[in-house]
PDB file of all heavy atoms in Angstrom:
ATOM      1  N   LEU A   1     106.215  -9.562  11.203  1.00  0.00           N
ATOM      2  CA  LEU A   1     105.083  -9.136  10.393  1.00  0.00           C
ATOM      3  C   LEU A   1     105.558  -8.323   9.169  1.00  0.00           C
ATOM      4  O   LEU A   1     105.128  -8.603   8.055  1.00  0.00           O
ATOM      5  CB  LEU A   1     104.120  -8.340  11.191  1.00  0.00           C
ATOM      6  CG  LEU A   1     103.311  -9.098  12.314  1.00  0.00           C
ATOM      7  CD1 LEU A   1     102.491  -8.148  13.152  1.00  0.00           C
ATOM      8  CD2 LEU A   1     102.487 -10.171  11.658  1.00  0.00           C
ATOM      9  N   THR A   2     106.497  -7.414   9.376  1.00  0.00           N
ATOM     10  CA  THR A   2     106.956  -6.645   8.289  1.00  0.00           C
ATOM     11  C   THR A   2     107.740  -7.477   7.303  1.00  0.00           C
ATOM     12  O   THR A   2     107.508  -7.351   6.090  1.00  0.00           O
ATOM     13  CB  THR A   2     107.882  -5.432   8.814  1.00  0.00           C
ATOM     14  OG1 THR A   2     107.091  -4.623   9.651  1.00  0.00           O
ATOM     15  CG2 THR A   2     108.440  -4.662   7.658  1.00  0.00           C
ATOM     16  N   LEU A   3     108.616  -8.299   7.799  1.00  0.00           N
ATOM     17  CA  LEU A   3     109.375  -9.161   6.896  1.00  0.00           C
ATOM     18  C   LEU A   3     108.432 -10.105   6.128  1.00  0.00           C
ATOM     19  O   LEU A   3     108.606 -10.243   4.899  1.00  0.00           O
ATOM     20  CB  LEU A   3     110.409 -10.000   7.687  1.00  0.00           C
ATOM     21  CG  LEU A   3     111.271 -10.949   6.877  1.00  0.00           C
ATOM     22  CD1 LEU A   3     112.062 -10.227   5.776  1.00  0.00           C
ATOM     23  CD2 LEU A   3     112.225 -11.752   7.781  1.00  0.00           C
ATOM     24  N   HIS A   4     107.496 -10.703   6.756  1.00  0.00           N
ATOM     25  CA  HIS A   4     106.569 -11.605   6.116  1.00  0.00           C
ATOM     26  C   HIS A   4     105.808 -10.881   5.036  1.00  0.00           C
ATOM     27  O   HIS A   4     105.674 -11.315   3.841  1.00  0.00           O
ATOM     28  CB  HIS A   4     105.599 -12.241   7.108  1.00  0.00           C
ATOM     29  CG  HIS A   4     104.717 -13.239   6.577  1.00  0.00           C
ATOM     30  ND1 HIS A   4     103.462 -12.910   6.065  1.00  0.00           N
ATOM     31  CD2 HIS A   4     104.812 -14.559   6.415  1.00  0.00           C
ATOM     32  CE1 HIS A   4     102.815 -14.034   5.627  1.00  0.00           C
ATOM     33  NE2 HIS A   4     103.696 -15.071   5.831  1.00  0.00           N
ATOM     34  N   ASN A   5     105.312  -9.673   5.356  1.00  0.00           N
ATOM     35  CA  ASN A   5     104.541  -8.835   4.366  1.00  0.00           C
ATOM     36  C   ASN A   5     105.388  -8.427   3.150  1.00  0.00           C
ATOM     37  O   ASN A   5     104.988  -8.426   1.982  1.00  0.00           O
ATOM     38  CB  ASN A   5     103.878  -7.657   5.004  1.00  0.00           C
ATOM     39  CG  ASN A   5     102.763  -8.054   5.915  1.00  0.00           C
ATOM     40  OD1 ASN A   5     102.151  -9.039   5.748  1.00  0.00           O
ATOM     41  ND2 ASN A   5     102.492  -7.124   6.908  1.00  0.00           N
ATOM     42  N   ASP A   6     106.632  -8.034   3.464  1.00  0.00           N
ATOM     43  CA  ASP A   6     107.524  -7.613   2.436  1.00  0.00           C
ATOM     44  C   ASP A   6     107.845  -8.766   1.440  1.00  0.00           C
ATOM     45  O   ASP A   6     107.774  -8.620   0.220  1.00  0.00           O
ATOM     46  CB  ASP A   6     108.879  -7.101   2.955  1.00  0.00           C
ATOM     47  CG  ASP A   6     108.720  -5.738   3.647  1.00  0.00           C
ATOM     48  OD1 ASP A   6     107.663  -5.065   3.481  1.00  0.00           O
ATOM     49  OD2 ASP A   6     109.710  -5.291   4.306  1.00  0.00           O
ATOM     50  N   LEU A   7     108.119  -9.951   2.006  1.00  0.00           N
ATOM     51  CA  LEU A   7     108.404 -11.086   1.134  1.00  0.00           C
ATOM     52  C   LEU A   7     107.167 -11.531   0.321  1.00  0.00           C
ATOM     53  O   LEU A   7     107.270 -11.840  -0.879  1.00  0.00           O
ATOM     54  CB  LEU A   7     108.953 -12.302   1.972  1.00  0.00           C
ATOM     55  CG  LEU A   7     110.258 -12.120   2.678  1.00  0.00           C
ATOM     56  CD1 LEU A   7     110.593 -13.271   3.575  1.00  0.00           C
ATOM     57  CD2 LEU A   7     111.400 -11.921   1.601  1.00  0.00           C
ATOM     58  N   LYS A   8     106.065 -11.497   0.941  1.00  0.00           N
ATOM     59  CA  LYS A   8     104.807 -11.945   0.305  1.00  0.00           C
ATOM     60  C   LYS A   8     104.492 -10.977  -0.824  1.00  0.00           C
ATOM     61  O   LYS A   8     104.180 -11.356  -1.937  1.00  0.00           O
ATOM     62  CB  LYS A   8     103.671 -11.947   1.269  1.00  0.00           C
ATOM     63  CG  LYS A   8     102.419 -12.642   0.785  1.00  0.00           C
ATOM     64  CD  LYS A   8     101.447 -12.791   1.879  1.00  0.00           C
ATOM     65  CE  LYS A   8     100.250 -13.605   1.419  1.00  0.00           C
ATOM     66  NZ  LYS A   8      99.315 -13.870   2.489  1.00  0.00           N
ATOM     67  N   THR A   9     104.641  -9.600  -0.611  1.00  0.00           N
ATOM     68  CA  THR A   9     104.387  -8.647  -1.571  1.00  0.00           C
ATOM     69  C   THR A   9     105.367  -8.780  -2.772  1.00  0.00           C
ATOM     70  O   THR A   9     104.994  -8.504  -3.927  1.00  0.00           O
ATOM     71  CB  THR A   9     104.510  -7.207  -0.981  1.00  0.00           C
ATOM     72  OG1 THR A   9     103.561  -7.087   0.083  1.00  0.00           O
ATOM     73  CG2 THR A   9     104.323  -6.125  -1.968  1.00  0.00           C
ATOM     74  N   ALA A  10     106.584  -9.223  -2.462  1.00  0.00           N
ATOM     75  CA  ALA A  10     107.577  -9.358  -3.522  1.00  0.00           C
ATOM     76  C   ALA A  10     107.431 -10.692  -4.312  1.00  0.00           C
ATOM     77  O   ALA A  10     108.218 -10.976  -5.192  1.00  0.00           O
ATOM     78  CB  ALA A  10     108.950  -9.327  -2.908  1.00  0.00           C
ATOM     79  N   GLY A  11     106.429 -11.525  -3.937  1.00  0.00           N
ATOM     80  CA  GLY A  11     106.185 -12.721  -4.626  1.00  0.00           C
ATOM     81  C   GLY A  11     106.937 -13.913  -4.194  1.00  0.00           C
ATOM     82  O   GLY A  11     106.926 -14.970  -4.824  1.00  0.00           O
ATOM     83  N   VAL A  12     107.632 -13.782  -2.974  1.00  0.00           N
ATOM     84  CA  VAL A  12     108.350 -14.970  -2.437  1.00  0.00           C
ATOM     85  C   VAL A  12     107.315 -15.951  -1.899  1.00  0.00           C
ATOM     86  O   VAL A  12     106.320 -15.580  -1.298  1.00  0.00           O
ATOM     87  CB  VAL A  12     109.321 -14.496  -1.334  1.00  0.00           C
ATOM     88  CG1 VAL A  12     109.951 -15.664  -0.600  1.00  0.00           C
ATOM     89  CG2 VAL A  12     110.327 -13.528  -1.917  1.00  0.00           C
ATOM     90  N   ASN A  13     107.592 -17.248  -2.091  1.00  0.00           N
ATOM     91  CA  ASN A  13     106.693 -18.263  -1.578  1.00  0.00           C
ATOM     92  C   ASN A  13     106.879 -18.339  -0.063  1.00  0.00           C
ATOM     93  O   ASN A  13     107.938 -18.851   0.430  1.00  0.00           O
ATOM     94  CB  ASN A  13     107.009 -19.586  -2.239  1.00  0.00           C
ATOM     95  CG  ASN A  13     106.125 -20.720  -1.834  1.00  0.00           C
ATOM     96  OD1 ASN A  13     105.158 -20.538  -1.068  1.00  0.00           O
ATOM     97  ND2 ASN A  13     106.457 -21.907  -2.298  1.00  0.00           N
ATOM     98  N   VAL A  14     105.900 -17.849   0.695  1.00  0.00           N
ATOM     99  CA  VAL A  14     105.955 -17.847   2.137  1.00  0.00           C
ATOM    100  C   VAL A  14     104.744 -18.555   2.683  1.00  0.00           C
ATOM    101  O   VAL A  14     103.667 -18.489   2.151  1.00  0.00           O
ATOM    102  CB  VAL A  14     106.014 -16.418   2.761  1.00  0.00           C
ATOM    103  CG1 VAL A  14     107.307 -15.653   2.348  1.00  0.00           C
ATOM    104  CG2 VAL A  14     104.796 -15.627   2.353  1.00  0.00           C
ATOM    105  N   ARG A  15     104.910 -19.233   3.828  1.00  0.00           N
ATOM    106  CA  ARG A  15     103.816 -19.828   4.519  1.00  0.00           C
ATOM    107  C   ARG A  15     103.306 -18.884   5.564  1.00  0.00           C
ATOM    108  O   ARG A  15     103.945 -17.862   5.824  1.00  0.00           O
ATOM    109  CB  ARG A  15     104.257 -21.118   5.195  1.00  0.00           C
ATOM    110  CG  ARG A  15     104.677 -22.213   4.223  1.00  0.00           C
ATOM    111  CD  ARG A  15     105.050 -23.507   4.897  1.00  0.00           C
ATOM    112  NE  ARG A  15     105.650 -24.411   3.967  1.00  0.00           N
ATOM    113  CZ  ARG A  15     106.327 -25.500   4.352  1.00  0.00           C
ATOM    114  NH1 ARG A  15     106.540 -25.803   5.617  1.00  0.00           N
ATOM    115  NH2 ARG A  15     106.890 -26.272   3.389  1.00  0.00           N
ATOM    116  N   ASN A  16     102.174 -19.125   6.139  1.00  0.00           N
ATOM    117  CA  ASN A  16     101.589 -18.254   7.159  1.00  0.00           C
ATOM    118  C   ASN A  16     102.486 -18.181   8.396  1.00  0.00           C
ATOM    119  O   ASN A  16     103.129 -19.149   8.723  1.00  0.00           O
ATOM    120  CB  ASN A  16     100.184 -18.767   7.524  1.00  0.00           C
ATOM    121  CG  ASN A  16      99.168 -18.655   6.410  1.00  0.00           C
ATOM    122  OD1 ASN A  16      99.298 -17.744   5.542  1.00  0.00           O
ATOM    123  ND2 ASN A  16      98.200 -19.514   6.344  1.00  0.00           N
ATOM    124  N   ILE A  17     102.278 -17.101   9.128  1.00  0.00           N
ATOM    125  CA  ILE A  17     102.964 -16.960  10.410  1.00  0.00           C
ATOM    126  C   ILE A  17     102.247 -17.805  11.444  1.00  0.00           C
ATOM    127  O   ILE A  17     101.057 -17.906  11.526  1.00  0.00           O
ATOM    128  CB  ILE A  17     102.997 -15.506  10.883  1.00  0.00           C
ATOM    129  CG1 ILE A  17     103.802 -14.590   9.898  1.00  0.00           C
ATOM    130  CG2 ILE A  17     103.427 -15.340  12.268  1.00  0.00           C
ATOM    131  CD1 ILE A  17     103.709 -13.126  10.190  1.00  0.00           C
ATOM    132  N   SER A  18     103.092 -18.546  12.203  1.00  0.00           N
ATOM    133  CA  SER A  18     102.594 -19.346  13.299  1.00  0.00           C
ATOM    134  C   SER A  18     103.014 -18.738  14.648  1.00  0.00           C
ATOM    135  O   SER A  18     104.195 -18.496  14.838  1.00  0.00           O
ATOM    136  CB  SER A  18     103.186 -20.747  13.155  1.00  0.00           C
ATOM    137  OG  SER A  18     102.915 -21.571  14.292  1.00  0.00           O
ATOM    138  N   ASP A  19     102.029 -18.411  15.509  1.00  0.00           N
ATOM    139  CA  ASP A  19     102.331 -17.943  16.812  1.00  0.00           C
ATOM    140  C   ASP A  19     102.335 -19.052  17.784  1.00  0.00           C
ATOM    141  O   ASP A  19     101.316 -19.656  18.058  1.00  0.00           O
ATOM    142  CB  ASP A  19     101.335 -16.840  17.251  1.00  0.00           C
ATOM    143  CG  ASP A  19     101.651 -16.138  18.508  1.00  0.00           C
ATOM    144  OD1 ASP A  19     102.445 -16.700  19.317  1.00  0.00           O
ATOM    145  OD2 ASP A  19     101.137 -15.065  18.741  1.00  0.00           O
ATOM    146  N   GLU A  20     103.549 -19.397  18.285  1.00  0.00           N
ATOM    147  CA  GLU A  20     103.674 -20.533  19.232  1.00  0.00           C
ATOM    148  C   GLU A  20     103.864 -20.113  20.631  1.00  0.00           C
ATOM    149  O   GLU A  20     104.602 -20.687  21.393  1.00  0.00           O
ATOM    150  CB  GLU A  20     104.726 -21.465  18.681  1.00  0.00           C
ATOM    151  CG  GLU A  20     104.381 -22.007  17.335  1.00  0.00           C
ATOM    152  CD  GLU A  20     105.407 -23.084  16.877  1.00  0.00           C
ATOM    153  OE1 GLU A  20     106.217 -23.638  17.595  1.00  0.00           O
ATOM    154  OE2 GLU A  20     105.413 -23.321  15.561  1.00  0.00           O
ATOM    155  N   GLY A  21     103.227 -18.977  20.977  1.00  0.00           N
ATOM    156  CA  GLY A  21     103.246 -18.496  22.336  1.00  0.00           C
ATOM    157  C   GLY A  21     104.596 -18.238  22.842  1.00  0.00           C
ATOM    158  O   GLY A  21     105.389 -17.457  22.299  1.00  0.00           O
ATOM    159  N   LYS A  22     104.948 -18.900  23.977  1.00  0.00           N
ATOM    160  CA  LYS A  22     106.239 -18.601  24.632  1.00  0.00           C
ATOM    161  C   LYS A  22     107.442 -18.971  23.759  1.00  0.00           C
ATOM    162  O   LYS A  22     108.559 -18.603  24.079  1.00  0.00           O
ATOM    163  CB  LYS A  22     106.273 -19.347  26.012  1.00  0.00           C
ATOM    164  CG  LYS A  22     106.404 -20.833  25.915  1.00  0.00           C
ATOM    165  CD  LYS A  22     106.468 -21.475  27.317  1.00  0.00           C
ATOM    166  CE  LYS A  22     106.619 -22.960  27.218  1.00  0.00           C
ATOM    167  NZ  LYS A  22     106.852 -23.550  28.516  1.00  0.00           N
ATOM    168  N   TYR A  23     107.208 -19.793  22.724  1.00  0.00           N
ATOM    169  CA  TYR A  23     108.298 -20.145  21.826  1.00  0.00           C
ATOM    170  C   TYR A  23     108.531 -19.138  20.695  1.00  0.00           C
ATOM    171  O   TYR A  23     109.503 -19.241  19.949  1.00  0.00           O
ATOM    172  CB  TYR A  23     108.042 -21.528  21.234  1.00  0.00           C
ATOM    173  CG  TYR A  23     107.880 -22.593  22.319  1.00  0.00           C
ATOM    174  CD1 TYR A  23     106.667 -23.186  22.576  1.00  0.00           C
ATOM    175  CD2 TYR A  23     108.985 -22.962  23.131  1.00  0.00           C
ATOM    176  CE1 TYR A  23     106.542 -24.088  23.561  1.00  0.00           C
ATOM    177  CE2 TYR A  23     108.861 -23.888  24.167  1.00  0.00           C
ATOM    178  CZ  TYR A  23     107.609 -24.477  24.369  1.00  0.00           C
ATOM    179  OH  TYR A  23     107.451 -25.363  25.356  1.00  0.00           O
ATOM    180  N   GLY A  24     107.648 -18.193  20.585  1.00  0.00           N
ATOM    181  CA  GLY A  24     107.776 -17.140  19.567  1.00  0.00           C
ATOM    182  C   GLY A  24     106.928 -17.363  18.327  1.00  0.00           C
ATOM    183  O   GLY A  24     106.068 -18.243  18.334  1.00  0.00           O
ATOM    184  N   LYS A  25     107.176 -16.558  17.328  1.00  0.00           N
ATOM    185  CA  LYS A  25     106.459 -16.583  16.055  1.00  0.00           C
ATOM    186  C   LYS A  25     107.424 -17.071  14.963  1.00  0.00           C
ATOM    187  O   LYS A  25     108.581 -16.757  15.009  1.00  0.00           O
ATOM    188  CB  LYS A  25     105.924 -15.241  15.690  1.00  0.00           C
ATOM    189  CG  LYS A  25     104.889 -14.708  16.682  1.00  0.00           C
ATOM    190  CD  LYS A  25     104.423 -13.324  16.335  1.00  0.00           C
ATOM    191  CE  LYS A  25     103.452 -12.836  17.356  1.00  0.00           C
ATOM    192  NZ  LYS A  25     103.101 -11.409  17.111  1.00  0.00           N
ATOM    193  N   PHE A  26     106.825 -17.779  13.989  1.00  0.00           N
ATOM    194  CA  PHE A  26     107.647 -18.437  12.932  1.00  0.00           C
ATOM    195  C   PHE A  26     106.933 -18.360  11.629  1.00  0.00           C
ATOM    196  O   PHE A  26     105.666 -18.243  11.564  1.00  0.00           O
ATOM    197  CB  PHE A  26     107.871 -19.916  13.240  1.00  0.00           C
ATOM    198  CG  PHE A  26     108.573 -20.280  14.506  1.00  0.00           C
ATOM    199  CD1 PHE A  26     107.805 -20.324  15.719  1.00  0.00           C
ATOM    200  CD2 PHE A  26     109.891 -20.496  14.529  1.00  0.00           C
ATOM    201  CE1 PHE A  26     108.429 -20.637  16.851  1.00  0.00           C
ATOM    202  CE2 PHE A  26     110.506 -20.805  15.728  1.00  0.00           C
ATOM    203  CZ  PHE A  26     109.786 -20.890  16.873  1.00  0.00           C
ATOM    204  N   PHE A  27     107.670 -18.339  10.550  1.00  0.00           N
ATOM    205  CA  PHE A  27     107.127 -18.635   9.258  1.00  0.00           C
ATOM    206  C   PHE A  27     108.226 -19.301   8.403  1.00  0.00           C
ATOM    207  O   PHE A  27     109.436 -19.112   8.665  1.00  0.00           O
ATOM    208  CB  PHE A  27     106.508 -17.464   8.545  1.00  0.00           C
ATOM    209  CG  PHE A  27     107.409 -16.416   7.969  1.00  0.00           C
ATOM    210  CD1 PHE A  27     107.934 -16.574   6.710  1.00  0.00           C
ATOM    211  CD2 PHE A  27     107.722 -15.288   8.745  1.00  0.00           C
ATOM    212  CE1 PHE A  27     108.777 -15.597   6.177  1.00  0.00           C
ATOM    213  CE2 PHE A  27     108.575 -14.316   8.208  1.00  0.00           C
ATOM    214  CZ  PHE A  27     109.074 -14.483   6.941  1.00  0.00           C
ATOM    215  N   VAL A  28     107.821 -19.947   7.330  1.00  0.00           N
ATOM    216  CA  VAL A  28     108.738 -20.676   6.434  1.00  0.00           C
ATOM    217  C   VAL A  28     108.701 -20.018   5.066  1.00  0.00           C
ATOM    218  O   VAL A  28     107.578 -19.611   4.635  1.00  0.00           O
ATOM    219  CB  VAL A  28     108.423 -22.151   6.328  1.00  0.00           C
ATOM    220  CG1 VAL A  28     109.323 -22.857   5.314  1.00  0.00           C
ATOM    221  CG2 VAL A  28     108.573 -22.820   7.714  1.00  0.00           C
ATOM    222  N   PHE A  29     109.801 -19.812   4.376  1.00  0.00           N
ATOM    223  CA  PHE A  29     109.816 -19.358   3.050  1.00  0.00           C
ATOM    224  C   PHE A  29     110.725 -20.248   2.183  1.00  0.00           C
ATOM    225  O   PHE A  29     111.550 -21.025   2.721  1.00  0.00           O
ATOM    226  CB  PHE A  29     110.271 -17.907   2.945  1.00  0.00           C
ATOM    227  CG  PHE A  29     111.687 -17.623   3.221  1.00  0.00           C
ATOM    228  CD1 PHE A  29     112.591 -17.648   2.185  1.00  0.00           C
ATOM    229  CD2 PHE A  29     112.116 -17.312   4.474  1.00  0.00           C
ATOM    230  CE1 PHE A  29     113.995 -17.361   2.450  1.00  0.00           C
ATOM    231  CE2 PHE A  29     113.465 -17.091   4.742  1.00  0.00           C
ATOM    232  CZ  PHE A  29     114.403 -17.117   3.697  1.00  0.00           C
ATOM    233  N   GLU A  30     110.592 -20.090   0.885  1.00  0.00           N
ATOM    234  CA  GLU A  30     111.327 -20.912  -0.075  1.00  0.00           C
ATOM    235  C   GLU A  30     112.173 -19.965  -0.963  1.00  0.00           C
ATOM    236  O   GLU A  30     111.654 -18.947  -1.409  1.00  0.00           O
ATOM    237  CB  GLU A  30     110.276 -21.761  -0.917  1.00  0.00           C
ATOM    238  CG  GLU A  30     110.947 -22.705  -1.839  1.00  0.00           C
ATOM    239  CD  GLU A  30     109.839 -23.619  -2.538  1.00  0.00           C
ATOM    240  OE1 GLU A  30     108.827 -23.831  -1.880  1.00  0.00           O
ATOM    241  OE2 GLU A  30     110.061 -23.880  -3.716  1.00  0.00           O
ATOM    242  N   ASP A  31     113.421 -20.381  -1.243  1.00  0.00           N
ATOM    243  CA  ASP A  31     114.207 -19.558  -2.133  1.00  0.00           C
ATOM    244  C   ASP A  31     113.975 -19.994  -3.605  1.00  0.00           C
ATOM    245  O   ASP A  31     113.084 -20.805  -3.866  1.00  0.00           O
ATOM    246  CB  ASP A  31     115.731 -19.579  -1.773  1.00  0.00           C
ATOM    247  CG  ASP A  31     116.431 -20.857  -2.072  1.00  0.00           C
ATOM    248  OD1 ASP A  31     115.808 -21.863  -2.609  1.00  0.00           O
ATOM    249  OD2 ASP A  31     117.580 -20.955  -1.743  1.00  0.00           O
ATOM    250  N   LEU A  32     114.748 -19.438  -4.513  1.00  0.00           N
ATOM    251  CA  LEU A  32     114.605 -19.717  -5.919  1.00  0.00           C
ATOM    252  C   LEU A  32     114.839 -21.220  -6.241  1.00  0.00           C
ATOM    253  O   LEU A  32     114.301 -21.741  -7.225  1.00  0.00           O
ATOM    254  CB  LEU A  32     115.583 -18.926  -6.699  1.00  0.00           C
ATOM    255  CG  LEU A  32     115.421 -17.470  -6.805  1.00  0.00           C
ATOM    256  CD1 LEU A  32     116.534 -16.796  -7.591  1.00  0.00           C
ATOM    257  CD2 LEU A  32     114.030 -17.068  -7.452  1.00  0.00           C
ATOM    258  N   ASP A  33     115.599 -21.901  -5.447  1.00  0.00           N
ATOM    259  CA  ASP A  33     115.963 -23.303  -5.747  1.00  0.00           C
ATOM    260  C   ASP A  33     115.171 -24.299  -4.943  1.00  0.00           C
ATOM    261  O   ASP A  33     115.453 -25.497  -5.020  1.00  0.00           O
ATOM    262  CB  ASP A  33     117.445 -23.516  -5.465  1.00  0.00           C
ATOM    263  CG  ASP A  33     118.366 -22.736  -6.443  1.00  0.00           C
ATOM    264  OD1 ASP A  33     118.393 -23.102  -7.608  1.00  0.00           O
ATOM    265  OD2 ASP A  33     118.829 -21.707  -6.029  1.00  0.00           O
ATOM    266  N   GLY A  34     114.202 -23.845  -4.174  1.00  0.00           N
ATOM    267  CA  GLY A  34     113.406 -24.814  -3.412  1.00  0.00           C
ATOM    268  C   GLY A  34     114.011 -25.138  -2.038  1.00  0.00           C
ATOM    269  O   GLY A  34     113.476 -26.000  -1.323  1.00  0.00           O
ATOM    270  N   ASN A  35     115.073 -24.368  -1.631  1.00  0.00           N
ATOM    271  CA  ASN A  35     115.624 -24.518  -0.285  1.00  0.00           C
ATOM    272  C   ASN A  35     114.595 -23.871   0.615  1.00  0.00           C
ATOM    273  O   ASN A  35     114.058 -22.763   0.334  1.00  0.00           O
ATOM    274  CB  ASN A  35     116.904 -23.859  -0.142  1.00  0.00           C
ATOM    275  CG  ASN A  35     117.974 -24.555  -0.990  1.00  0.00           C
ATOM    276  OD1 ASN A  35     118.247 -25.716  -0.839  1.00  0.00           O
ATOM    277  ND2 ASN A  35     118.660 -23.754  -1.854  1.00  0.00           N
ATOM    278  N   LEU A  36     114.269 -24.504   1.815  1.00  0.00           N
ATOM    279  CA  LEU A  36     113.398 -23.952   2.748  1.00  0.00           C
ATOM    280  C   LEU A  36     114.152 -23.312   3.931  1.00  0.00           C
ATOM    281  O   LEU A  36     115.184 -23.849   4.328  1.00  0.00           O
ATOM    282  CB  LEU A  36     112.451 -25.078   3.345  1.00  0.00           C
ATOM    283  CG  LEU A  36     111.510 -25.702   2.385  1.00  0.00           C
ATOM    284  CD1 LEU A  36     110.673 -26.769   3.116  1.00  0.00           C
ATOM    285  CD2 LEU A  36     110.568 -24.709   1.701  1.00  0.00           C
ATOM    286  N   PHE A  37     113.610 -22.226   4.398  1.00  0.00           N
ATOM    287  CA  PHE A  37     114.187 -21.492   5.546  1.00  0.00           C
ATOM    288  C   PHE A  37     113.075 -21.152   6.526  1.00  0.00           C
ATOM    289  O   PHE A  37     111.935 -20.827   6.067  1.00  0.00           O
ATOM    290  CB  PHE A  37     114.910 -20.209   5.037  1.00  0.00           C
ATOM    291  CG  PHE A  37     115.992 -20.445   4.137  1.00  0.00           C
ATOM    292  CD1 PHE A  37     115.804 -20.491   2.744  1.00  0.00           C
ATOM    293  CD2 PHE A  37     117.308 -20.648   4.607  1.00  0.00           C
ATOM    294  CE1 PHE A  37     116.872 -20.713   1.901  1.00  0.00           C
ATOM    295  CE2 PHE A  37     118.347 -20.902   3.748  1.00  0.00           C
ATOM    296  CZ  PHE A  37     118.109 -20.907   2.360  1.00  0.00           C
ATOM    297  N   ASP A  38     113.396 -21.107   7.722  1.00  0.00           N
ATOM    298  CA  ASP A  38     112.453 -20.723   8.743  1.00  0.00           C
ATOM    299  C   ASP A  38     112.864 -19.341   9.277  1.00  0.00           C
ATOM    300  O   ASP A  38     114.022 -19.019   9.276  1.00  0.00           O
ATOM    301  CB  ASP A  38     112.583 -21.760   9.924  1.00  0.00           C
ATOM    302  CG  ASP A  38     111.549 -21.562  11.052  1.00  0.00           C
ATOM    303  OD1 ASP A  38     110.401 -21.397  10.723  1.00  0.00           O
ATOM    304  OD2 ASP A  38     111.928 -21.748  12.221  1.00  0.00           O
ATOM    305  N   VAL A  39     111.874 -18.553   9.658  1.00  0.00           N
ATOM    306  CA  VAL A  39     112.156 -17.252  10.289  1.00  0.00           C
ATOM    307  C   VAL A  39     111.497 -17.265  11.654  1.00  0.00           C
ATOM    308  O   VAL A  39     110.371 -17.643  11.812  1.00  0.00           O
ATOM    309  CB  VAL A  39     111.563 -16.098   9.395  1.00  0.00           C
ATOM    310  CG1 VAL A  39     111.801 -14.774  10.064  1.00  0.00           C
ATOM    311  CG2 VAL A  39     112.207 -16.060   7.997  1.00  0.00           C
ATOM    312  N   TRP A  40     112.233 -16.685  12.615  1.00  0.00           N
ATOM    313  CA  TRP A  40     111.773 -16.729  14.020  1.00  0.00           C
ATOM    314  C   TRP A  40     111.859 -15.349  14.630  1.00  0.00           C
ATOM    315  O   TRP A  40     112.801 -14.579  14.420  1.00  0.00           O
ATOM    316  CB  TRP A  40     112.700 -17.738  14.773  1.00  0.00           C
ATOM    317  CG  TRP A  40     112.448 -17.865  16.260  1.00  0.00           C
ATOM    318  CD1 TRP A  40     111.323 -17.952  16.894  1.00  0.00           C
ATOM    319  CD2 TRP A  40     113.443 -17.953  17.244  1.00  0.00           C
ATOM    320  NE1 TRP A  40     111.545 -18.106  18.248  1.00  0.00           N
ATOM    321  CE2 TRP A  40     112.855 -18.125  18.448  1.00  0.00           C
ATOM    322  CE3 TRP A  40     114.866 -17.896  17.197  1.00  0.00           C
ATOM    323  CZ2 TRP A  40     113.563 -18.194  19.669  1.00  0.00           C
ATOM    324  CZ3 TRP A  40     115.608 -17.999  18.354  1.00  0.00           C
ATOM    325  CH2 TRP A  40     114.921 -18.195  19.574  1.00  0.00           C
ATOM    326  N   GLU A  41     110.857 -14.966  15.339  1.00  0.00           N
ATOM    327  CA  GLU A  41     110.818 -13.744  16.196  1.00  0.00           C
ATOM    328  C   GLU A  41     110.515 -14.176  17.611  1.00  0.00           C
ATOM    329  O   GLU A  41     109.509 -14.834  17.865  1.00  0.00           O
ATOM    330  CB  GLU A  41     109.734 -12.812  15.692  1.00  0.00           C
ATOM    331  CG  GLU A  41     109.691 -11.512  16.528  1.00  0.00           C
ATOM    332  CD  GLU A  41     108.471 -10.682  16.171  1.00  0.00           C
ATOM    333  OE1 GLU A  41     108.584  -9.896  15.292  1.00  0.00           O
ATOM    334  OE2 GLU A  41     107.369 -10.888  16.835  1.00  0.00           O
ATOM    335  N   HIS A  42     111.385 -13.730  18.520  1.00  0.00           N
ATOM    336  CA  HIS A  42     111.233 -14.030  19.946  1.00  0.00           C
ATOM    337  C   HIS A  42     111.862 -12.947  20.749  1.00  0.00           C
ATOM    338  O   HIS A  42     113.107 -12.843  20.714  1.00  0.00           O
ATOM    339  CB  HIS A  42     111.798 -15.369  20.260  1.00  0.00           C
ATOM    340  CG  HIS A  42     111.341 -15.928  21.563  1.00  0.00           C
ATOM    341  ND1 HIS A  42     111.713 -15.371  22.808  1.00  0.00           N
ATOM    342  CD2 HIS A  42     110.536 -17.005  21.877  1.00  0.00           C
ATOM    343  CE1 HIS A  42     111.167 -16.109  23.789  1.00  0.00           C
ATOM    344  NE2 HIS A  42     110.413 -17.070  23.278  1.00  0.00           N
ATOM    345  N   HIS A  43     111.052 -12.129  21.477  1.00  0.00           N
ATOM    346  CA  HIS A  43     111.642 -10.947  22.075  1.00  0.00           C
ATOM    347  C   HIS A  43     112.259 -11.290  23.478  1.00  0.00           C
ATOM    348  O   HIS A  43     112.901 -10.408  24.048  1.00  0.00           O
ATOM    349  CB  HIS A  43     110.558  -9.877  22.237  1.00  0.00           C
ATOM    350  CG  HIS A  43     110.155  -9.354  20.924  1.00  0.00           C
ATOM    351  ND1 HIS A  43     110.967  -8.588  20.140  1.00  0.00           N
ATOM    352  CD2 HIS A  43     109.083  -9.520  20.118  1.00  0.00           C
ATOM    353  CE1 HIS A  43     110.412  -8.255  18.997  1.00  0.00           C
ATOM    354  NE2 HIS A  43     109.213  -8.864  18.980  1.00  0.00           N
ATOM    355  N   ASP A  44     112.097 -12.513  23.958  1.00  0.00           N
ATOM    356  CA  ASP A  44     112.663 -12.913  25.251  1.00  0.00           C
ATOM    357  C   ASP A  44     113.947 -13.715  25.052  1.00  0.00           C
ATOM    358  O   ASP A  44     114.469 -14.253  26.027  1.00  0.00           O
ATOM    359  CB  ASP A  44     111.672 -13.694  26.031  1.00  0.00           C
ATOM    360  CG  ASP A  44     110.497 -12.870  26.524  1.00  0.00           C
ATOM    361  OD1 ASP A  44     110.640 -11.651  26.636  1.00  0.00           O
ATOM    362  OD2 ASP A  44     109.395 -13.432  26.730  1.00  0.00           O
TER     363      ASP A  44
END
């Protein structure tokens, strides 16, 4: 949540956070060149 908010506030192109239950939470962002990256949080 903090990382997503920080990136969004900074103007980074981020997609919404997806909560996939037992698989964790994810979101996708784009860098300056259009490369896509996924971010994952899973406490287990």
